[in-house]
Amino acid sequence: MTSTAPAPPGSGTWMATEIREQPAALRRTVDTLLPQVPEVAALAARTRQVLFVARGSSDAAAHYGRYLCEVGAGRLATPASPSVATLYRRRLDLSGVLAVALSQSGRTAEIVETLVWARDCGARTVAVTNDAGSPLAAAAELVLVTAAGPERALPATKTYTTQLAALVVLALGLGADPALGSALRTVPAAVEAALDTAAAATELAERLSDVDGLVVSGRGFASSTAWELSLKIRETCAIDASGLSYADLLHGPIAVVGARTPALLVAAADGPVLPGVLGLADRLRAAGAPVYGIGGGPALAAACTAALPGPDLPEALAPLALVVPGQLTAEALSRRLGLDPDTPGGLTKVTQTDGGAG
């Protein structure tokens, strides 16, 4: 459905407005969902593995959730292929599986159908959605309802970051270090600080306004941010942006990076993947390619052509704020290219497929 809401006051866009609403949306979501950790723990008590069901920005969020489950909670987590359920209609033994479906609207039929299929195959079920009255919420045993509020721009911003917060709550219920919950309460302030990168994001948008393509890369927890930002740039700017783990990038696709197809690298300020990101930046710059960065601390900034600062958060939580400078860049770049970031061509808030392409 196309947004019919009136334009926001002034000369801004709804996308920019909703990017700025993220600190408040995250505070509401954290306050609402942290008390549900015991419910998650009770539901997941007899499960061993997590199965994520998602598409689009929700799929990028699910990728983050997989790292939270595996690195944070020690639970194997995998992505579902919805077509197994919706097209091939193959029944699987999902006993011992916790199926987690993500959809900001809760109204994508394929996601709802796949969660119902998982339940019928023996899985316990959780929904992460921004609509408590949605079909997805009705299909799940437990619902983690984000408190993002209505999202008027078609590209997901605050519904994405609040999904990430919900997945931290999920991980806590699965046995992640309880200190992660205390640290989660510091995220809204970190996102507030990330909004101060708006002027630098506009400058980065100017640098990206005459490119043939873009490669967005990270690894580990931040690989979800790379995927989501590549999607935002494709959606809002109609630029061919690829989101890749830097490990995958090194296996051939690095050949596309060059003077007309720069790289945008994203990373937390610390963690085991940072040295690899720094090595990639050095390699690409030595080959003559422009390299831009988000996060990664002073070391990544020094290795890049230009960089936007990232959050002062532990690696496991950095993606909740790391995405914000990229959102600001995508919104500014879309406007610079003469496009409307609120209503990208071909995009609807609720995307229906033919039953799955997974």
Protein backbone atom coordinates (compact mmCIF):
# COMPACT_ATOMS: atom_id res chain seq x y z
CA MET A 1 0.00 0.00 0.00
CA THR A 2 1.25 3.48 -0.81
CA SER A 3 1.55 5.97 2.02
CA THR A 4 -1.21 8.58 1.89
CA ALA A 5 -0.11 10.48 5.00
CA PRO A 6 0.40 14.23 4.56
CA ALA A 7 3.99 15.40 4.24
CA PRO A 8 5.76 16.19 7.51
CA PRO A 9 6.11 19.84 8.57
CA GLY A 10 8.85 21.85 6.88
CA SER A 11 10.97 20.63 3.99
CA GLY A 12 11.83 17.24 5.43
CA THR A 13 10.65 13.76 4.51
CA TRP A 14 8.83 11.15 6.53
CA MET A 15 11.90 8.94 6.27
CA ALA A 16 14.05 11.63 7.90
CA THR A 17 11.40 12.24 10.55
CA GLU A 18 11.17 8.55 11.40
CA ILE A 19 14.94 8.16 11.53
CA ARG A 20 14.91 10.88 14.20
CA GLU A 21 12.09 9.11 16.07
CA GLN A 22 14.23 6.02 16.68
CA PRO A 23 15.57 6.90 20.15
CA ALA A 24 12.04 7.29 21.51
CA ALA A 25 10.79 4.22 19.66
CA LEU A 26 13.64 2.16 21.08
CA ARG A 27 13.03 3.38 24.63
CA ARG A 28 9.37 2.36 24.38
CA THR A 29 10.27 -1.01 22.86
CA VAL A 30 12.95 -1.84 25.42
CA ASP A 31 10.68 -0.86 28.31
CA THR A 32 7.85 -2.95 26.87
CA LEU A 33 9.77 -6.07 25.89
CA LEU A 34 12.46 -6.61 28.53
CA PRO A 35 9.84 -7.82 31.03
CA GLN A 36 8.96 -10.59 28.53
CA VAL A 37 12.34 -12.33 28.87
CA PRO A 38 10.89 -14.93 31.29
CA GLU A 39 8.08 -15.69 28.81
CA VAL A 40 10.63 -16.31 26.07
CA ALA A 41 12.64 -18.55 28.39
CA ALA A 42 9.57 -20.60 29.32
CA LEU A 43 8.47 -21.09 25.71
CA ALA A 44 11.98 -22.01 24.54
CA ALA A 45 12.79 -24.31 27.45
CA ARG A 46 12.48 -27.52 25.42
CA THR A 47 13.89 -26.20 22.17
CA ARG A 48 17.43 -26.52 20.86
CA GLN A 49 17.46 -24.64 17.55
CA VAL A 50 16.03 -21.38 16.23
CA LEU A 51 14.46 -21.03 12.77
CA PHE A 52 14.02 -17.46 11.48
CA VAL A 53 11.26 -16.64 8.98
CA ALA A 54 11.55 -13.22 7.31
CA ARG A 55 11.91 -11.20 4.11
CA GLY A 56 13.37 -7.78 3.22
CA SER A 57 14.54 -5.59 6.10
CA SER A 58 13.14 -8.17 8.50
CA ASP A 59 15.49 -10.71 6.92
CA ALA A 60 18.44 -8.42 7.67
CA ALA A 61 17.18 -8.21 11.26
CA ALA A 62 16.92 -12.01 11.39
CA HIS A 63 20.55 -12.25 10.27
CA TYR A 64 21.46 -10.18 13.32
CA GLY A 65 19.27 -12.46 15.41
CA ARG A 66 21.21 -15.49 14.22
CA TYR A 67 24.45 -14.01 15.60
CA LEU A 68 22.72 -13.16 18.87
CA CYS A 69 21.46 -16.73 19.19
CA GLU A 70 24.69 -18.47 18.21
CA VAL A 71 27.38 -16.19 19.64
CA GLY A 72 25.32 -14.80 22.50
CA ALA A 73 23.12 -17.72 23.55
CA GLY A 74 24.89 -20.76 22.11
CA ARG A 75 21.84 -21.86 20.09
CA LEU A 76 22.11 -22.96 16.46
CA ALA A 77 20.02 -20.61 14.31
CA THR A 78 19.12 -20.93 10.63
CA PRO A 79 17.02 -19.05 8.06
CA ALA A 80 13.86 -20.69 6.77
CA SER A 81 13.13 -21.16 3.07
CA PRO A 82 9.42 -20.23 2.96
CA SER A 83 8.87 -21.97 -0.36
CA VAL A 84 9.44 -25.32 1.37
CA ALA A 85 6.21 -24.59 3.22
CA THR A 86 4.24 -22.51 0.74
CA LEU A 87 5.10 -24.02 -2.66
CA TYR A 88 6.62 -27.45 -2.07
CA ARG A 89 4.37 -28.05 0.96
CA ARG A 90 6.89 -30.44 2.46
CA ARG A 91 6.31 -31.43 6.04
CA LEU A 92 9.44 -31.46 8.26
CA ASP A 93 10.07 -32.64 11.81
CA LEU A 94 10.51 -29.35 13.68
CA SER A 95 10.26 -30.73 17.19
CA GLY A 96 12.83 -28.95 19.34
CA VAL A 97 12.74 -25.89 17.08
CA LEU A 98 11.76 -22.36 18.06
CA ALA A 99 10.36 -20.69 14.92
CA VAL A 100 10.67 -16.90 15.00
CA ALA A 101 8.82 -14.95 12.30
CA LEU A 102 9.53 -11.27 11.71
CA SER A 103 7.30 -8.83 9.83
CA GLN A 104 6.82 -5.18 10.73
CA SER A 105 3.26 -5.24 9.40
CA GLY A 106 2.51 -8.82 10.39
CA ARG A 107 0.46 -9.07 7.20
CA THR A 108 2.77 -10.68 4.66
CA ALA A 109 0.84 -13.84 3.83
CA GLU A 110 3.93 -15.91 3.04
CA ILE A 111 5.46 -15.21 6.47
CA VAL A 112 2.20 -15.96 8.27
CA GLU A 113 1.70 -19.18 6.33
CA THR A 114 5.25 -20.32 7.01
CA LEU A 115 4.89 -19.73 10.76
CA VAL A 116 1.64 -21.71 10.80
CA TRP A 117 3.40 -24.49 8.88
CA ALA A 118 6.24 -24.50 11.41
CA ARG A 119 3.76 -24.76 14.28
CA ASP A 120 1.99 -27.65 12.55
CA CYS A 121 5.38 -29.36 12.10
CA GLY A 122 5.99 -29.27 15.85
CA ALA A 123 7.85 -25.99 16.40
CA ARG A 124 7.18 -23.52 19.18
CA THR A 125 6.39 -20.14 17.67
CA VAL A 126 7.28 -16.48 18.27
CA ALA A 127 6.27 -13.44 16.22
CA VAL A 128 8.12 -10.12 16.11
CA THR A 129 5.85 -7.45 14.67
CA ASN A 130 4.83 -3.82 15.04
CA ASP A 131 1.11 -4.70 14.92
CA ALA A 132 -0.39 -6.59 17.85
CA GLY A 133 -3.62 -7.10 15.88
CA SER A 134 -1.98 -8.62 12.81
CA PRO A 135 -2.48 -12.15 11.44
CA LEU A 136 1.13 -12.97 12.31
CA ALA A 137 0.55 -12.03 15.94
CA ALA A 138 -2.55 -14.22 16.01
CA ALA A 139 -0.62 -17.19 14.61
CA ALA A 140 2.14 -17.17 17.24
CA GLU A 141 2.25 -18.58 20.76
CA LEU A 142 4.26 -15.57 21.95
CA VAL A 143 4.35 -12.10 20.39
CA LEU A 144 7.10 -9.53 20.84
CA VAL A 145 5.33 -6.35 19.75
CA THR A 146 7.66 -3.50 18.91
CA ALA A 147 6.61 0.00 19.93
CA ALA A 148 7.79 1.85 16.85
CA GLY A 149 4.47 3.57 16.20
CA PRO A 150 3.08 4.11 12.69
CA GLU A 151 5.75 4.19 9.97
CA ARG A 152 4.65 6.50 7.15
CA ALA A 153 7.69 6.24 4.88
CA LEU A 154 7.78 3.02 2.89
CA PRO A 155 11.43 2.17 3.68
CA ALA A 156 11.73 0.62 7.14
CA THR A 157 13.80 2.60 9.64
CA LYS A 158 12.38 2.66 13.16
CA THR A 159 10.55 -0.64 12.64
CA TYR A 160 13.91 -2.20 11.73
CA THR A 161 15.84 -0.96 14.76
CA THR A 162 13.02 -1.88 17.13
CA GLN A 163 13.03 -5.39 15.62
CA LEU A 164 16.72 -5.61 16.52
CA ALA A 165 15.87 -4.66 20.10
CA ALA A 166 13.20 -7.37 20.19
CA LEU A 167 15.78 -9.91 19.04
CA VAL A 168 18.06 -8.94 21.93
CA VAL A 169 15.15 -9.77 24.23
CA LEU A 170 14.75 -13.09 22.42
CA ALA A 171 18.45 -13.87 22.94
CA LEU A 172 18.20 -13.02 26.62
CA GLY A 173 15.34 -15.50 26.94
CA LEU A 174 17.51 -18.12 25.23
CA GLY A 175 20.31 -17.70 27.76
CA ALA A 176 22.48 -14.79 26.59
CA ASP A 177 24.45 -12.93 29.25
CA PRO A 178 21.97 -10.88 31.35
CA ALA A 179 24.42 -7.96 31.15
CA LEU A 180 23.22 -7.59 27.55
CA GLY A 181 19.85 -6.50 28.94
CA SER A 182 21.40 -3.74 31.03
CA ALA A 183 23.47 -2.61 28.06
CA LEU A 184 20.35 -2.60 25.87
CA ARG A 185 19.00 0.27 27.95
CA THR A 186 21.93 2.42 26.79
CA VAL A 187 21.11 1.93 23.11
CA PRO A 188 18.55 4.78 22.72
CA ALA A 189 21.16 7.31 23.89
CA ALA A 190 23.69 5.84 21.44
CA VAL A 191 21.15 6.18 18.61
CA GLU A 192 20.50 9.77 19.71
CA ALA A 193 24.24 10.45 19.37
CA ALA A 194 24.30 8.76 15.95
CA LEU A 195 21.77 11.30 14.69
CA ASP A 196 24.49 13.91 15.03
CA THR A 197 26.19 12.40 11.98
CA ALA A 198 23.53 13.94 9.70
CA ALA A 199 25.82 16.64 8.26
CA ALA A 200 28.62 14.14 7.60
CA ALA A 201 26.07 11.74 6.07
CA THR A 202 25.01 14.50 3.65
CA GLU A 203 28.65 14.94 2.64
CA LEU A 204 28.97 11.19 2.07
CA ALA A 205 25.79 11.27 -0.01
CA GLU A 206 27.41 13.90 -2.23
CA ARG A 207 30.41 11.61 -2.77
CA LEU A 208 28.06 8.74 -3.71
CA SER A 209 25.83 10.74 -6.05
CA ASP A 210 27.79 9.84 -9.19
CA VAL A 211 28.62 6.15 -8.88
CA ASP A 212 27.76 3.14 -11.01
CA GLY A 213 27.24 0.90 -8.01
CA LEU A 214 28.19 0.35 -4.40
CA VAL A 215 29.42 -2.59 -2.34
CA VAL A 216 28.42 -2.52 1.34
CA SER A 217 30.38 -4.94 3.47
CA GLY A 218 30.85 -6.04 7.07
CA ARG A 219 31.17 -9.28 8.98
CA GLY A 220 29.79 -10.88 12.12
CA PHE A 221 27.11 -8.89 13.90
CA ALA A 222 27.66 -5.93 11.53
CA SER A 223 27.03 -8.01 8.41
CA SER A 224 23.31 -7.51 9.10
CA THR A 225 23.90 -3.75 8.92
CA ALA A 226 25.66 -4.12 5.57
CA TRP A 227 22.71 -6.09 4.18
CA GLU A 228 20.16 -3.61 5.49
CA LEU A 229 22.03 -0.54 4.21
CA SER A 230 22.49 -2.07 0.77
CA LEU A 231 18.73 -2.65 0.69
CA LYS A 232 18.01 0.93 1.80
CA ILE A 233 20.24 2.34 -0.94
CA ARG A 234 18.67 0.12 -3.60
CA GLU A 235 15.17 1.03 -2.43
CA THR A 236 15.56 4.76 -2.01
CA CYS A 237 18.29 5.64 -4.54
CA ALA A 238 17.87 3.05 -7.33
CA ILE A 239 21.62 2.36 -7.11
CA ASP A 240 22.89 -1.18 -7.58
CA ALA A 241 24.17 -1.79 -4.05
CA SER A 242 25.38 -5.22 -2.95
CA GLY A 243 25.48 -6.22 0.71
CA LEU A 244 28.17 -8.80 1.39
CA SER A 245 30.16 -10.29 4.22
CA TYR A 246 33.74 -9.28 3.60
CA ALA A 247 34.60 -12.98 3.62
CA ASP A 248 32.26 -13.48 0.65
CA LEU A 249 33.53 -10.30 -0.99
CA LEU A 250 37.06 -11.70 -1.04
CA HIS A 251 35.86 -14.80 -2.91
CA GLY A 252 35.49 -13.06 -6.26
CA PRO A 253 33.02 -10.14 -6.00
CA ILE A 254 35.88 -7.87 -4.92
CA ALA A 255 36.60 -7.56 -8.65
CA VAL A 256 33.62 -5.20 -9.06
CA VAL A 257 34.99 -2.64 -6.58
CA GLY A 258 36.75 0.22 -8.34
CA ALA A 259 36.75 3.93 -9.03
CA ARG A 260 33.08 3.91 -10.13
CA THR A 261 31.93 1.26 -7.66
CA PRO A 262 33.25 2.19 -4.23
CA ALA A 263 33.02 0.20 -1.02
CA LEU A 264 31.17 1.18 2.15
CA LEU A 265 32.51 -0.80 5.13
CA VAL A 266 30.62 -1.09 8.41
CA ALA A 267 32.04 -2.33 11.70
CA ALA A 268 31.74 -2.08 15.46
CA ALA A 269 34.54 -0.27 17.26
CA ASP A 270 36.00 -3.54 18.51
CA GLY A 271 35.60 -7.29 18.21
CA PRO A 272 37.29 -10.11 16.31
CA VAL A 273 36.14 -9.05 12.84
CA LEU A 274 37.60 -5.52 12.97
CA PRO A 275 41.15 -6.49 11.86
CA GLY A 276 39.71 -8.11 8.73
CA VAL A 277 37.68 -4.99 7.90
CA LEU A 278 40.81 -2.85 8.29
CA GLY A 279 42.78 -5.19 6.05
CA LEU A 280 40.05 -5.02 3.40
CA ALA A 281 40.05 -1.22 3.52
CA ASP A 282 43.81 -1.11 3.01
CA ARG A 283 43.61 -3.58 0.13
CA LEU A 284 40.87 -1.70 -1.68
CA ARG A 285 42.51 1.70 -1.30
CA ALA A 286 45.81 0.30 -2.52
CA ALA A 287 43.94 -0.83 -5.64
CA GLY A 288 42.68 2.72 -6.21
CA ALA A 289 39.07 2.28 -5.07
CA PRO A 290 37.31 4.85 -2.89
CA VAL A 291 36.56 3.30 0.51
CA TYR A 292 34.04 4.78 2.92
CA GLY A 293 33.35 3.64 6.45
CA ILE A 294 30.74 3.67 9.18
CA GLY A 295 31.99 2.85 12.66
CA GLY A 296 35.15 0.85 13.22
CA GLY A 297 36.62 3.46 15.56
CA PRO A 298 39.63 5.65 14.70
CA ALA A 299 41.39 2.76 12.96
CA LEU A 300 38.73 2.37 10.25
CA ALA A 301 38.40 6.14 9.85
CA ALA A 302 42.15 6.34 9.19
CA ALA A 303 41.96 3.54 6.62
CA CYS A 304 39.07 5.07 4.63
CA THR A 305 38.68 7.86 2.11
CA ALA A 306 35.97 9.25 4.41
CA ALA A 307 34.11 7.77 7.37
CA LEU A 308 31.15 8.38 9.66
CA PRO A 309 31.58 7.67 13.38
CA GLY A 310 29.86 4.65 14.89
CA PRO A 311 28.36 4.07 18.34
CA ASP A 312 30.12 3.49 21.64
CA LEU A 313 28.41 0.15 22.18
CA PRO A 314 29.60 -3.44 22.59
CA GLU A 315 29.87 -5.35 19.33
CA ALA A 316 26.71 -7.38 19.99
CA LEU A 317 24.60 -4.22 20.29
CA ALA A 318 26.42 -1.96 17.83
CA PRO A 319 24.09 -2.78 14.87
CA LEU A 320 21.17 -0.99 16.58
CA ALA A 321 23.00 2.35 16.21
CA LEU A 322 25.50 1.51 13.46
CA VAL A 323 22.70 1.51 10.89
CA VAL A 324 21.63 5.09 11.66
CA PRO A 325 24.39 7.01 9.80
CA GLY A 326 23.69 4.76 6.83
CA GLN A 327 19.96 5.51 6.98
CA LEU A 328 20.76 9.22 7.03
CA THR A 329 23.08 8.79 4.04
CA ALA A 330 20.46 6.88 2.04
CA GLU A 331 17.79 9.51 2.73
CA ALA A 332 20.09 12.39 1.78
CA LEU A 333 21.36 10.59 -1.34
CA SER A 334 17.82 9.85 -2.51
CA ARG A 335 16.90 13.53 -2.32
CA ARG A 336 20.14 14.58 -4.00
CA LEU A 337 19.30 12.28 -6.90
CA GLY A 338 15.89 13.94 -7.25
CA LEU A 339 13.97 10.98 -5.83
CA ASP A 340 11.38 10.71 -3.08
CA PRO A 341 12.70 8.43 -0.30
CA ASP A 342 9.23 8.15 1.22
CA THR A 343 7.68 6.45 -1.80
CA PRO A 344 10.30 4.54 -3.81
CA GLY A 345 9.08 3.14 -7.11
CA GLY A 346 7.79 -0.42 -6.96
CA LEU A 347 7.84 -0.59 -3.15
CA THR A 348 4.86 -1.31 -0.90
CA LYS A 349 4.67 -1.54 2.88
CA VAL A 350 3.24 -5.06 2.77
CA THR A 351 4.99 -7.17 0.14
CA GLN A 352 3.23 -10.31 -1.03
CA THR A 353 5.05 -12.97 -3.02
CA ASP A 354 3.77 -15.94 -5.00
CA GLY A 355 4.19 -18.07 -1.92
CA GLY A 356 7.95 -18.02 -1.64
CA ALA A 357 11.10 -17.70 -3.64
CA GLY A 358 13.36 -19.11 -0.97
